[in-house]
Amino acid sequence: MFNLTTNAAEQILRAAAELQETEHTLPSLRIAAKIEEGEIVYGMGFDDSRENDVVIEAAGVTLLIAPRSQELLEGATLDFVELRPGEFQFIFINPNEPATAGGGCASQSSGCGSCGGGSAGGCN
């Protein structure tokens, strides 16, 4: 099962509320993972549910995971942490990561992920 920390959920809900002003419904967050050059690469963004998606309700957030990402995300946790003073970022803590890689960071898809700090689309 995929896990979501309280900090991550709060940031996602803030971004979703901004989007909800124009969409009129609370959007779902798609979480994706694939292997590139021996490392797991992550992506996340607001999306609609598709056939065969795993739908997870966690801390008020609806998460969508496509079948091809399920195995890579099994047991993973999405967190939102302060890496350095004033620098916040979404990170994935994943037991499936290769031993040489550290925790992954989310890509900047659909305004809710950041890699390398800074603000992305209102999620900070």
Protein backbone atom coordinates (compact mmCIF):
# COMPACT_ATOMS: atom_id res chain seq x y z
CA MET A 1 0.00 0.00 0.00
CA PHE A 2 1.12 3.56 -0.70
CA ASN A 3 1.36 5.95 2.27
CA LEU A 4 0.98 9.69 2.63
CA THR A 5 2.24 11.75 5.57
CA THR A 6 0.14 14.45 7.20
CA ASN A 7 2.54 17.15 5.95
CA ALA A 8 2.25 15.92 2.35
CA ALA A 9 -1.53 15.67 2.59
CA GLU A 10 -1.81 19.25 3.88
CA GLN A 11 0.28 20.60 0.98
CA ILE A 12 -1.64 18.58 -1.61
CA LEU A 13 -4.98 19.73 -0.18
CA ARG A 14 -3.85 23.38 -0.36
CA ALA A 15 -2.96 23.00 -4.03
CA ALA A 16 -6.16 21.07 -4.71
CA ALA A 17 -8.24 23.81 -3.07
CA GLU A 18 -6.71 26.39 -5.42
CA LEU A 19 -7.52 24.19 -8.40
CA GLN A 20 -10.99 23.44 -7.04
CA GLU A 21 -11.88 27.13 -7.38
CA THR A 22 -11.95 26.65 -11.16
CA GLU A 23 -12.82 22.93 -11.39
CA HIS A 24 -15.59 22.87 -8.71
CA THR A 25 -14.57 19.40 -7.50
CA LEU A 26 -11.63 18.34 -5.39
CA PRO A 27 -9.11 16.81 -7.82
CA SER A 28 -7.38 13.46 -7.38
CA LEU A 29 -3.60 13.22 -7.31
CA ARG A 30 -1.96 10.74 -9.65
CA ILE A 31 1.31 9.23 -8.39
CA ALA A 32 3.55 7.53 -10.94
CA ALA A 33 6.89 5.74 -10.93
CA LYS A 34 9.12 4.19 -13.57
CA ILE A 35 12.68 3.00 -13.80
CA GLU A 36 15.14 5.12 -15.78
CA GLU A 37 18.86 4.42 -15.86
CA GLY A 38 18.58 2.07 -12.88
CA GLU A 39 16.74 4.53 -10.64
CA ILE A 40 13.09 5.03 -9.83
CA VAL A 41 11.78 8.30 -11.26
CA TYR A 42 8.61 9.77 -9.76
CA GLY A 43 5.86 11.97 -11.07
CA MET A 44 2.71 13.42 -9.61
CA GLY A 45 -0.07 15.68 -10.75
CA PHE A 46 -3.80 16.19 -10.58
CA ASP A 47 -5.72 13.90 -12.90
CA ASP A 48 -8.96 12.03 -13.51
CA SER A 49 -9.38 8.39 -12.60
CA ARG A 50 -8.84 5.82 -15.35
CA GLU A 51 -9.86 2.20 -15.73
CA ASN A 52 -7.76 -0.15 -13.56
CA ASP A 53 -6.30 2.65 -11.41
CA VAL A 54 -5.76 1.82 -7.78
CA VAL A 55 -7.66 4.47 -5.82
CA ILE A 56 -6.43 5.20 -2.30
CA GLU A 57 -8.06 7.59 0.16
CA ALA A 58 -5.45 8.95 2.57
CA ALA A 59 -5.77 11.91 4.94
CA GLY A 60 -8.52 13.50 2.83
CA VAL A 61 -6.62 13.07 -0.45
CA THR A 62 -7.68 10.76 -3.27
CA LEU A 63 -4.59 9.15 -4.81
CA LEU A 64 -4.55 7.42 -8.19
CA ILE A 65 -1.92 4.86 -9.16
CA ALA A 66 -1.83 3.28 -12.62
CA PRO A 67 -1.24 -0.48 -12.82
CA ARG A 68 2.26 -0.08 -14.31
CA SER A 69 3.38 1.97 -11.26
CA GLN A 70 1.83 -0.19 -8.55
CA GLU A 71 4.73 -2.56 -7.96
CA LEU A 72 7.32 0.25 -7.78
CA LEU A 73 5.20 2.22 -5.30
CA GLU A 74 4.26 -0.68 -3.02
CA GLY A 75 5.15 0.32 0.55
CA ALA A 76 6.37 3.80 -0.49
CA THR A 77 5.58 6.99 1.42
CA LEU A 78 5.16 10.51 0.07
CA ASP A 79 6.31 13.20 2.50
CA PHE A 80 6.75 16.99 2.41
CA VAL A 81 9.88 18.05 4.26
CA GLU A 82 12.11 21.04 4.92
CA LEU A 83 15.48 20.05 3.48
CA ARG A 84 17.18 23.29 4.50
CA PRO A 85 15.75 26.35 6.21
CA GLY A 86 13.00 27.69 3.95
CA GLU A 87 13.46 24.96 1.30
CA PHE A 88 10.53 22.53 1.23
CA GLN A 89 10.09 19.59 -1.10
CA PHE A 90 7.99 16.49 -1.69
CA ILE A 91 10.06 13.34 -1.30
CA PHE A 92 9.34 9.66 -1.81
CA ILE A 93 10.61 7.22 0.78
CA ASN A 94 10.57 3.92 -1.02
CA PRO A 95 11.77 0.50 0.13
CA ASN A 96 11.93 -0.49 -3.56
CA GLU A 97 14.69 2.03 -4.34
CA PRO A 98 17.96 0.49 -5.50
CA ALA A 99 20.50 0.36 -2.65
CA THR A 100 22.70 3.02 -4.25
CA ALA A 101 19.94 5.60 -4.63
CA GLY A 102 18.56 7.88 -1.97
CA GLY A 103 14.96 9.00 -1.57
CA GLY A 104 13.46 10.30 -4.77
CA CYS A 105 11.82 13.62 -5.32
CA ALA A 106 8.73 14.34 -7.30
CA SER A 107 8.82 15.78 -10.77
CA GLN A 108 7.23 19.14 -11.54
CA SER A 109 4.11 17.75 -13.19
CA SER A 110 0.76 19.51 -12.92
CA GLY A 111 2.05 22.01 -10.39
CA CYS A 112 2.41 19.81 -7.35
CA GLY A 113 5.92 18.42 -7.24
CA SER A 114 9.32 19.89 -6.86
CA CYS A 115 12.82 18.60 -7.25
CA GLY A 116 15.72 20.72 -6.09
CA GLY A 117 13.70 23.03 -3.86
CA GLY A 118 11.70 26.12 -4.49
CA SER A 119 8.01 26.50 -5.01
CA ALA A 120 6.02 24.70 -7.66
CA GLY A 121 2.43 25.57 -8.42
CA GLY A 122 1.27 26.49 -4.94
CA CYS A 123 2.23 23.25 -3.18
CA ASN A 124 4.82 25.00 -1.00
